[in-house]
C-alpha atoms as a PDB file:
ATOM      1  CA  MET A   1       0.000   0.000   0.000  1.00  0.00           C
ATOM      2  CA  TYR A   2       1.221   3.493  -0.814  1.00  0.00           C
ATOM      3  CA  ARG A   3       0.408   6.940   0.556  1.00  0.00           C
ATOM      4  CA  LEU A   4       0.117   9.826  -1.884  1.00  0.00           C
ATOM      5  CA  GLU A   5       1.216  13.042  -0.185  1.00  0.00           C
ATOM      6  CA  GLU A   6       2.057  16.578  -1.210  1.00  0.00           C
ATOM      7  CA  GLU A   7       5.831  17.002  -1.262  1.00  0.00           C
ATOM      8  CA  THR A   8       7.138  19.026   1.673  1.00  0.00           C
ATOM      9  CA  ALA A   9      10.395  20.884   2.249  1.00  0.00           C
ATOM     10  CA  GLU A  10      11.519  17.932   4.371  1.00  0.00           C
ATOM     11  CA  ASP A  11      11.167  15.636   1.334  1.00  0.00           C
ATOM     12  CA  TRP A  12      13.448  17.729  -0.888  1.00  0.00           C
ATOM     13  CA  TRP A  13      16.782  15.945  -0.324  1.00  0.00           C
ATOM     14  CA  GLU A  14      15.204  12.514  -0.543  1.00  0.00           C
ATOM     15  CA  VAL A  15      13.425  13.406  -3.794  1.00  0.00           C
ATOM     16  CA  GLU A  16      16.634  14.849  -5.221  1.00  0.00           C
ATOM     17  CA  ALA A  17      18.463  11.607  -4.354  1.00  0.00           C
ATOM     18  CA  LEU A  18      15.729   9.639  -6.152  1.00  0.00           C
ATOM     19  CA  LEU A  19      16.082  11.874  -9.213  1.00  0.00           C
ATOM     20  CA  ASP A  20      19.849  11.384  -9.182  1.00  0.00           C
ATOM     21  CA  LEU A  21      19.310   7.626  -9.032  1.00  0.00           C
ATOM     22  CA  CYS A  22      16.748   7.562 -11.860  1.00  0.00           C
ATOM     23  CA  PHE A  23      18.276  10.023 -14.302  1.00  0.00           C
ATOM     24  CA  ALA A  24      21.640  10.403 -15.978  1.00  0.00           C
ATOM     25  CA  PRO A  25      24.357  12.598 -14.532  1.00  0.00           C
ATOM     26  CA  GLY A  26      24.038  16.123 -15.818  1.00  0.00           C
ATOM     27  CA  ARG A  27      20.248  16.104 -15.640  1.00  0.00           C
ATOM     28  CA  THR A  28      20.258  19.656 -14.293  1.00  0.00           C
ATOM     29  CA  ALA A  29      21.910  20.908 -17.505  1.00  0.00           C
ATOM     30  CA  LEU A  30      18.808  20.057 -19.543  1.00  0.00           C
ATOM     31  CA  SER A  31      16.693  22.895 -20.932  1.00  0.00           C
ATOM     32  CA  SER A  32      13.735  21.977 -18.720  1.00  0.00           C
ATOM     33  CA  TYR A  33      15.909  22.554 -15.645  1.00  0.00           C
ATOM     34  CA  ARG A  34      16.946  25.982 -16.898  1.00  0.00           C
ATOM     35  CA  LEU A  35      13.256  26.895 -17.120  1.00  0.00           C
ATOM     36  CA  ARG A  36      12.864  25.888 -13.458  1.00  0.00           C
ATOM     37  CA  GLU A  37      15.800  27.875 -12.062  1.00  0.00           C
ATOM     38  CA  ASP A  38      14.677  30.466  -9.511  1.00  0.00           C
ATOM     39  CA  VAL A  39      11.018  29.638 -10.193  1.00  0.00           C
ATOM     40  CA  PRO A  40       8.976  28.051  -7.412  1.00  0.00           C
ATOM     41  CA  ALA A  41       7.376  24.708  -8.231  1.00  0.00           C
ATOM     42  CA  VAL A  42       3.591  24.399  -8.208  1.00  0.00           C
ATOM     43  CA  LYS A  43       3.589  22.973  -4.680  1.00  0.00           C
ATOM     44  CA  THR A  44      -0.004  21.716  -4.732  1.00  0.00           C
ATOM     45  CA  LEU A  45       0.890  19.403  -7.632  1.00  0.00           C
ATOM     46  CA  CYS A  46       4.278  18.133  -6.426  1.00  0.00           C
ATOM     47  CA  HIS A  47       3.653  14.771  -4.775  1.00  0.00           C
ATOM     48  CA  VAL A  48       5.473  11.795  -3.340  1.00  0.00           C
ATOM     49  CA  LEU A  49       4.410   8.186  -2.932  1.00  0.00           C
ATOM     50  CA  ARG A  50       5.594   6.423   0.202  1.00  0.00           C
ATOM     51  CA  ASP A  51       5.134   2.813   1.222  1.00  0.00           C
ATOM     52  CA  ASP A  52       3.748   1.705   4.588  1.00  0.00           C
ATOM     53  CA  ASP A  53       7.230   2.019   6.098  1.00  0.00           C
ATOM     54  CA  GLY A  54       7.561   5.610   4.885  1.00  0.00           C
ATOM     55  CA  VAL A  55      10.108   4.742   2.200  1.00  0.00           C
ATOM     56  CA  LEU A  56       9.984   7.021  -0.843  1.00  0.00           C
ATOM     57  CA  ALA A  57       8.867   5.027  -3.891  1.00  0.00           C
ATOM     58  CA  ALA A  58       8.113   7.758  -6.426  1.00  0.00           C
ATOM     59  CA  ALA A  59       7.832  11.511  -6.914  1.00  0.00           C
ATOM     60  CA  ILE A  60       6.423  13.999  -9.407  1.00  0.00           C
ATOM     61  CA  ARG A  61       6.901  17.732  -9.771  1.00  0.00           C
ATOM     62  CA  TYR A  62       5.302  20.523 -11.821  1.00  0.00           C
ATOM     63  CA  TRP A  63       6.528  24.003 -12.705  1.00  0.00           C
ATOM     64  CA  PRO A  64       4.889  27.016 -14.294  1.00  0.00           C
ATOM     65  CA  VAL A  65       6.169  28.141 -17.689  1.00  0.00           C
ATOM     66  CA  ARG A  66       4.891  30.473 -20.404  1.00  0.00           C
ATOM     67  CA  VAL A  67       4.265  29.767 -24.081  1.00  0.00           C
ATOM     68  CA  GLY A  68       3.147  32.612 -26.303  1.00  0.00           C
ATOM     69  CA  GLY A  69       2.258  34.648 -23.226  1.00  0.00           C
ATOM     70  CA  ARG A  70       0.047  31.877 -21.837  1.00  0.00           C
ATOM     71  CA  ASP A  71       0.406  29.966 -18.588  1.00  0.00           C
ATOM     72  CA  VAL A  72       1.374  26.317 -19.002  1.00  0.00           C
ATOM     73  CA  LEU A  73       2.233  23.573 -16.537  1.00  0.00           C
ATOM     74  CA  LEU A  74       5.529  21.825 -17.161  1.00  0.00           C
ATOM     75  CA  LEU A  75       5.282  18.260 -15.872  1.00  0.00           C
ATOM     76  CA  GLY A  76       8.490  16.761 -14.662  1.00  0.00           C
ATOM     77  CA  PRO A  77      10.425  15.236 -13.461  1.00  0.00           C
ATOM     78  CA  VAL A  78       8.545  12.100 -12.535  1.00  0.00           C
ATOM     79  CA  ALA A  79      10.642   9.319 -11.020  1.00  0.00           C
ATOM     80  CA  VAL A  80       9.992   5.846  -9.664  1.00  0.00           C
ATOM     81  CA  HIS A  81      12.614   4.035  -7.613  1.00  0.00           C
ATOM     82  CA  PRO A  82      14.150   1.264  -9.758  1.00  0.00           C
ATOM     83  CA  THR A  83      13.011  -1.412  -7.295  1.00  0.00           C
ATOM     84  CA  ARG A  84       9.394  -0.185  -7.656  1.00  0.00           C
ATOM     85  CA  GLN A  85       9.230   0.219 -11.426  1.00  0.00           C
ATOM     86  CA  GLY A  86       6.581  -1.813 -13.198  1.00  0.00           C
ATOM     87  CA  GLU A  87       4.045  -1.382 -10.385  1.00  0.00           C
ATOM     88  CA  GLY A  88       2.169   1.451 -12.108  1.00  0.00           C
ATOM     89  CA  LEU A  89       3.338   4.104  -9.650  1.00  0.00           C
ATOM     90  CA  GLY A  90       4.370   6.608 -12.316  1.00  0.00           C
ATOM     91  CA  GLY A  91       0.975   6.261 -13.957  1.00  0.00           C
ATOM     92  CA  LEU A  92      -0.777   6.692 -10.621  1.00  0.00           C
ATOM     93  CA  LEU A  93       1.150   9.911  -9.933  1.00  0.00           C
ATOM     94  CA  ILE A  94       0.425  11.274 -13.395  1.00  0.00           C
ATOM     95  CA  HIS A  95      -3.309  10.459 -13.309  1.00  0.00           C
ATOM     96  CA  GLU A  96      -3.825  11.842  -9.800  1.00  0.00           C
ATOM     97  CA  THR A  97      -1.873  15.050 -10.322  1.00  0.00           C
ATOM     98  CA  LEU A  98      -3.394  15.790 -13.736  1.00  0.00           C
ATOM     99  CA  ALA A  99      -6.853  15.429 -12.194  1.00  0.00           C
ATOM    100  CA  GLU A 100      -5.800  17.839  -9.430  1.00  0.00           C
ATOM    101  CA  ALA A 101      -4.368  20.291 -11.988  1.00  0.00           C
ATOM    102  CA  ARG A 102      -7.706  20.253 -13.791  1.00  0.00           C
ATOM    103  CA  ARG A 103      -9.550  20.875 -10.492  1.00  0.00           C
ATOM    104  CA  LEU A 104      -7.207  23.780  -9.746  1.00  0.00           C
ATOM    105  CA  GLY A 105      -8.076  25.427 -13.065  1.00  0.00           C
ATOM    106  CA  TRP A 106      -4.995  24.671 -15.162  1.00  0.00           C
ATOM    107  CA  SER A 107      -5.918  24.202 -18.811  1.00  0.00           C
ATOM    108  CA  ARG A 108      -2.747  22.931 -20.502  1.00  0.00           C
ATOM    109  CA  VAL A 109       0.245  20.789 -19.581  1.00  0.00           C
ATOM    110  CA  MET A 110       3.459  20.050 -21.416  1.00  0.00           C
ATOM    111  CA  LEU A 111       6.515  17.875 -20.885  1.00  0.00           C
ATOM    112  CA  VAL A 112       9.619  16.600 -22.582  1.00  0.00           C
ATOM    113  CA  GLY A 113       9.403  12.824 -22.789  1.00  0.00           C
ATOM    114  CA  ASP A 114       8.781   9.633 -24.705  1.00  0.00           C
ATOM    115  CA  ALA A 115       5.605   9.840 -26.774  1.00  0.00           C
ATOM    116  CA  PRO A 116       4.909   6.077 -26.613  1.00  0.00           C
ATOM    117  CA  TYR A 117       4.786   6.233 -22.789  1.00  0.00           C
ATOM    118  CA  TYR A 118       2.984   9.555 -22.320  1.00  0.00           C
ATOM    119  CA  SER A 119       0.433   9.072 -25.126  1.00  0.00           C
ATOM    120  CA  ARG A 120      -1.522   6.718 -22.862  1.00  0.00           C
ATOM    121  CA  PHE A 121      -2.249   9.742 -20.658  1.00  0.00           C
ATOM    122  CA  GLY A 122      -3.383  11.779 -23.667  1.00  0.00           C
ATOM    123  CA  PHE A 123      -0.154  13.648 -24.420  1.00  0.00           C
ATOM    124  CA  ARG A 124       0.597  14.383 -28.084  1.00  0.00           C
ATOM    125  CA  LYS A 125       3.476  16.041 -29.926  1.00  0.00           C
ATOM    126  CA  LEU A 126       3.102  19.809 -29.790  1.00  0.00           C
ATOM    127  CA  GLU A 127       3.450  21.588 -33.102  1.00  0.00           C
ATOM    128  CA  GLY A 128       4.751  25.135 -32.974  1.00  0.00           C
ATOM    129  CA  VAL A 129       5.951  24.921 -29.360  1.00  0.00           C
ATOM    130  CA  TYR A 130       9.719  25.094 -28.988  1.00  0.00           C
ATOM    131  CA  MET A 131      11.800  24.174 -25.969  1.00  0.00           C
ATOM    132  CA  PRO A 132      15.175  25.887 -25.644  1.00  0.00           C
ATOM    133  CA  PRO A 133      17.985  23.750 -27.085  1.00  0.00           C
ATOM    134  CA  PRO A 134      19.147  21.098 -26.820  1.00  0.00           C
ATOM    135  CA  THR A 135      15.716  19.470 -26.933  1.00  0.00           C
ATOM    136  CA  ASN A 136      14.482  16.998 -29.517  1.00  0.00           C
ATOM    137  CA  PRO A 137      11.262  18.580 -30.883  1.00  0.00           C
ATOM    138  CA  ASP A 138       9.648  15.132 -31.187  1.00  0.00           C
ATOM    139  CA  ARG A 139       9.796  14.851 -27.375  1.00  0.00           C
ATOM    140  CA  VAL A 140       7.880  18.093 -26.712  1.00  0.00           C
ATOM    141  CA  LEU A 141       4.428  16.830 -25.764  1.00  0.00           C
ATOM    142  CA  GLY A 142       1.242  18.514 -24.587  1.00  0.00           C
ATOM    143  CA  LEU A 143      -2.130  17.718 -23.068  1.00  0.00           C
ATOM    144  CA  GLU A 144      -5.301  19.783 -22.933  1.00  0.00           C
ATOM    145  CA  LEU A 145      -7.015  19.759 -19.546  1.00  0.00           C
ATOM    146  CA  SER A 146      -9.838  21.771 -21.061  1.00  0.00           C
ATOM    147  CA  PRO A 147     -11.013  21.487 -24.680  1.00  0.00           C
ATOM    148  CA  GLY A 148      -9.074  23.645 -27.132  1.00  0.00           C
ATOM    149  CA  ALA A 149      -6.557  24.816 -24.526  1.00  0.00           C
ATOM    150  CA  TRP A 150      -3.586  24.448 -26.894  1.00  0.00           C
ATOM    151  CA  HIS A 151      -5.421  25.986 -29.886  1.00  0.00           C
ATOM    152  CA  GLY A 152      -3.455  29.005 -31.071  1.00  0.00           C
ATOM    153  CA  VAL A 153      -0.767  28.609 -28.398  1.00  0.00           C
ATOM    154  CA  GLY A 154       2.745  28.522 -29.803  1.00  0.00           C
ATOM    155  CA  GLY A 155       6.229  29.873 -29.596  1.00  0.00           C
ATOM    156  CA  THR A 156       9.239  29.331 -27.412  1.00  0.00           C
ATOM    157  CA  VAL A 157       8.768  27.980 -23.911  1.00  0.00           C
ATOM    158  CA  GLU A 158       9.899  30.602 -21.414  1.00  0.00           C
ATOM    159  CA  LYS A 159      10.374  30.855 -17.675  1.00  0.00           C
ATOM    160  CA  ALA A 160       7.380  31.959 -15.651  1.00  0.00           C
ATOM    161  CA  GLU A 161       7.731  35.323 -13.976  1.00  0.00           C
END
Protein backbone atom coordinates (compact mmCIF):
# COMPACT_ATOMS: atom_id res chain seq x y z
CA MET A 1 0.00 0.00 0.00
CA TYR A 2 1.22 3.49 -0.81
CA ARG A 3 0.41 6.94 0.56
CA LEU A 4 0.12 9.83 -1.88
CA GLU A 5 1.22 13.04 -0.19
CA GLU A 6 2.06 16.58 -1.21
CA GLU A 7 5.83 17.00 -1.26
CA THR A 8 7.14 19.03 1.67
CA ALA A 9 10.39 20.88 2.25
CA GLU A 10 11.52 17.93 4.37
CA ASP A 11 11.17 15.64 1.33
CA TRP A 12 13.45 17.73 -0.89
CA TRP A 13 16.78 15.95 -0.32
CA GLU A 14 15.20 12.51 -0.54
CA VAL A 15 13.43 13.41 -3.79
CA GLU A 16 16.63 14.85 -5.22
CA ALA A 17 18.46 11.61 -4.35
CA LEU A 18 15.73 9.64 -6.15
CA LEU A 19 16.08 11.87 -9.21
CA ASP A 20 19.85 11.38 -9.18
CA LEU A 21 19.31 7.63 -9.03
CA CYS A 22 16.75 7.56 -11.86
CA PHE A 23 18.28 10.02 -14.30
CA ALA A 24 21.64 10.40 -15.98
CA PRO A 25 24.36 12.60 -14.53
CA GLY A 26 24.04 16.12 -15.82
CA ARG A 27 20.25 16.10 -15.64
CA THR A 28 20.26 19.66 -14.29
CA ALA A 29 21.91 20.91 -17.51
CA LEU A 30 18.81 20.06 -19.54
CA SER A 31 16.69 22.89 -20.93
CA SER A 32 13.73 21.98 -18.72
CA TYR A 33 15.91 22.55 -15.65
CA ARG A 34 16.95 25.98 -16.90
CA LEU A 35 13.26 26.89 -17.12
CA ARG A 36 12.86 25.89 -13.46
CA GLU A 37 15.80 27.88 -12.06
CA ASP A 38 14.68 30.47 -9.51
CA VAL A 39 11.02 29.64 -10.19
CA PRO A 40 8.98 28.05 -7.41
CA ALA A 41 7.38 24.71 -8.23
CA VAL A 42 3.59 24.40 -8.21
CA LYS A 43 3.59 22.97 -4.68
CA THR A 44 0.00 21.72 -4.73
CA LEU A 45 0.89 19.40 -7.63
CA CYS A 46 4.28 18.13 -6.43
CA HIS A 47 3.65 14.77 -4.77
CA VAL A 48 5.47 11.80 -3.34
CA LEU A 49 4.41 8.19 -2.93
CA ARG A 50 5.59 6.42 0.20
CA ASP A 51 5.13 2.81 1.22
CA ASP A 52 3.75 1.71 4.59
CA ASP A 53 7.23 2.02 6.10
CA GLY A 54 7.56 5.61 4.89
CA VAL A 55 10.11 4.74 2.20
CA LEU A 56 9.98 7.02 -0.84
CA ALA A 57 8.87 5.03 -3.89
CA ALA A 58 8.11 7.76 -6.43
CA ALA A 59 7.83 11.51 -6.91
CA ILE A 60 6.42 14.00 -9.41
CA ARG A 61 6.90 17.73 -9.77
CA TYR A 62 5.30 20.52 -11.82
CA TRP A 63 6.53 24.00 -12.70
CA PRO A 64 4.89 27.02 -14.29
CA VAL A 65 6.17 28.14 -17.69
CA ARG A 66 4.89 30.47 -20.40
CA VAL A 67 4.27 29.77 -24.08
CA GLY A 68 3.15 32.61 -26.30
CA GLY A 69 2.26 34.65 -23.23
CA ARG A 70 0.05 31.88 -21.84
CA ASP A 71 0.41 29.97 -18.59
CA VAL A 72 1.37 26.32 -19.00
CA LEU A 73 2.23 23.57 -16.54
CA LEU A 74 5.53 21.82 -17.16
CA LEU A 75 5.28 18.26 -15.87
CA GLY A 76 8.49 16.76 -14.66
CA PRO A 77 10.42 15.24 -13.46
CA VAL A 78 8.55 12.10 -12.53
CA ALA A 79 10.64 9.32 -11.02
CA VAL A 80 9.99 5.85 -9.66
CA HIS A 81 12.61 4.03 -7.61
CA PRO A 82 14.15 1.26 -9.76
CA THR A 83 13.01 -1.41 -7.30
CA ARG A 84 9.39 -0.19 -7.66
CA GLN A 85 9.23 0.22 -11.43
CA GLY A 86 6.58 -1.81 -13.20
CA GLU A 87 4.05 -1.38 -10.38
CA GLY A 88 2.17 1.45 -12.11
CA LEU A 89 3.34 4.10 -9.65
CA GLY A 90 4.37 6.61 -12.32
CA GLY A 91 0.97 6.26 -13.96
CA LEU A 92 -0.78 6.69 -10.62
CA LEU A 93 1.15 9.91 -9.93
CA ILE A 94 0.42 11.27 -13.39
CA HIS A 95 -3.31 10.46 -13.31
CA GLU A 96 -3.83 11.84 -9.80
CA THR A 97 -1.87 15.05 -10.32
CA LEU A 98 -3.39 15.79 -13.74
CA ALA A 99 -6.85 15.43 -12.19
CA GLU A 100 -5.80 17.84 -9.43
CA ALA A 101 -4.37 20.29 -11.99
CA ARG A 102 -7.71 20.25 -13.79
CA ARG A 103 -9.55 20.87 -10.49
CA LEU A 104 -7.21 23.78 -9.75
CA GLY A 105 -8.08 25.43 -13.07
CA TRP A 106 -5.00 24.67 -15.16
CA SER A 107 -5.92 24.20 -18.81
CA ARG A 108 -2.75 22.93 -20.50
CA VAL A 109 0.24 20.79 -19.58
CA MET A 110 3.46 20.05 -21.42
CA LEU A 111 6.52 17.87 -20.89
CA VAL A 112 9.62 16.60 -22.58
CA GLY A 113 9.40 12.82 -22.79
CA ASP A 114 8.78 9.63 -24.70
CA ALA A 115 5.60 9.84 -26.77
CA PRO A 116 4.91 6.08 -26.61
CA TYR A 117 4.79 6.23 -22.79
CA TYR A 118 2.98 9.56 -22.32
CA SER A 119 0.43 9.07 -25.13
CA ARG A 120 -1.52 6.72 -22.86
CA PHE A 121 -2.25 9.74 -20.66
CA GLY A 122 -3.38 11.78 -23.67
CA PHE A 123 -0.15 13.65 -24.42
CA ARG A 124 0.60 14.38 -28.08
CA LYS A 125 3.48 16.04 -29.93
CA LEU A 126 3.10 19.81 -29.79
CA GLU A 127 3.45 21.59 -33.10
CA GLY A 128 4.75 25.13 -32.97
CA VAL A 129 5.95 24.92 -29.36
CA TYR A 130 9.72 25.09 -28.99
CA MET A 131 11.80 24.17 -25.97
CA PRO A 132 15.18 25.89 -25.64
CA PRO A 133 17.99 23.75 -27.08
CA PRO A 134 19.15 21.10 -26.82
CA THR A 135 15.72 19.47 -26.93
CA ASN A 136 14.48 17.00 -29.52
CA PRO A 137 11.26 18.58 -30.88
CA ASP A 138 9.65 15.13 -31.19
CA ARG A 139 9.80 14.85 -27.37
CA VAL A 140 7.88 18.09 -26.71
CA LEU A 141 4.43 16.83 -25.76
CA GLY A 142 1.24 18.51 -24.59
CA LEU A 143 -2.13 17.72 -23.07
CA GLU A 144 -5.30 19.78 -22.93
CA LEU A 145 -7.01 19.76 -19.55
CA SER A 146 -9.84 21.77 -21.06
CA PRO A 147 -11.01 21.49 -24.68
CA GLY A 148 -9.07 23.64 -27.13
CA ALA A 149 -6.56 24.82 -24.53
CA TRP A 150 -3.59 24.45 -26.89
CA HIS A 151 -5.42 25.99 -29.89
CA GLY A 152 -3.45 29.00 -31.07
CA VAL A 153 -0.77 28.61 -28.40
CA GLY A 154 2.75 28.52 -29.80
CA GLY A 155 6.23 29.87 -29.60
CA THR A 156 9.24 29.33 -27.41
CA VAL A 157 8.77 27.98 -23.91
CA GLU A 158 9.90 30.60 -21.41
CA LYS A 159 10.37 30.86 -17.67
CA ALA A 160 7.38 31.96 -15.65
CA GLU A 161 7.73 35.32 -13.98
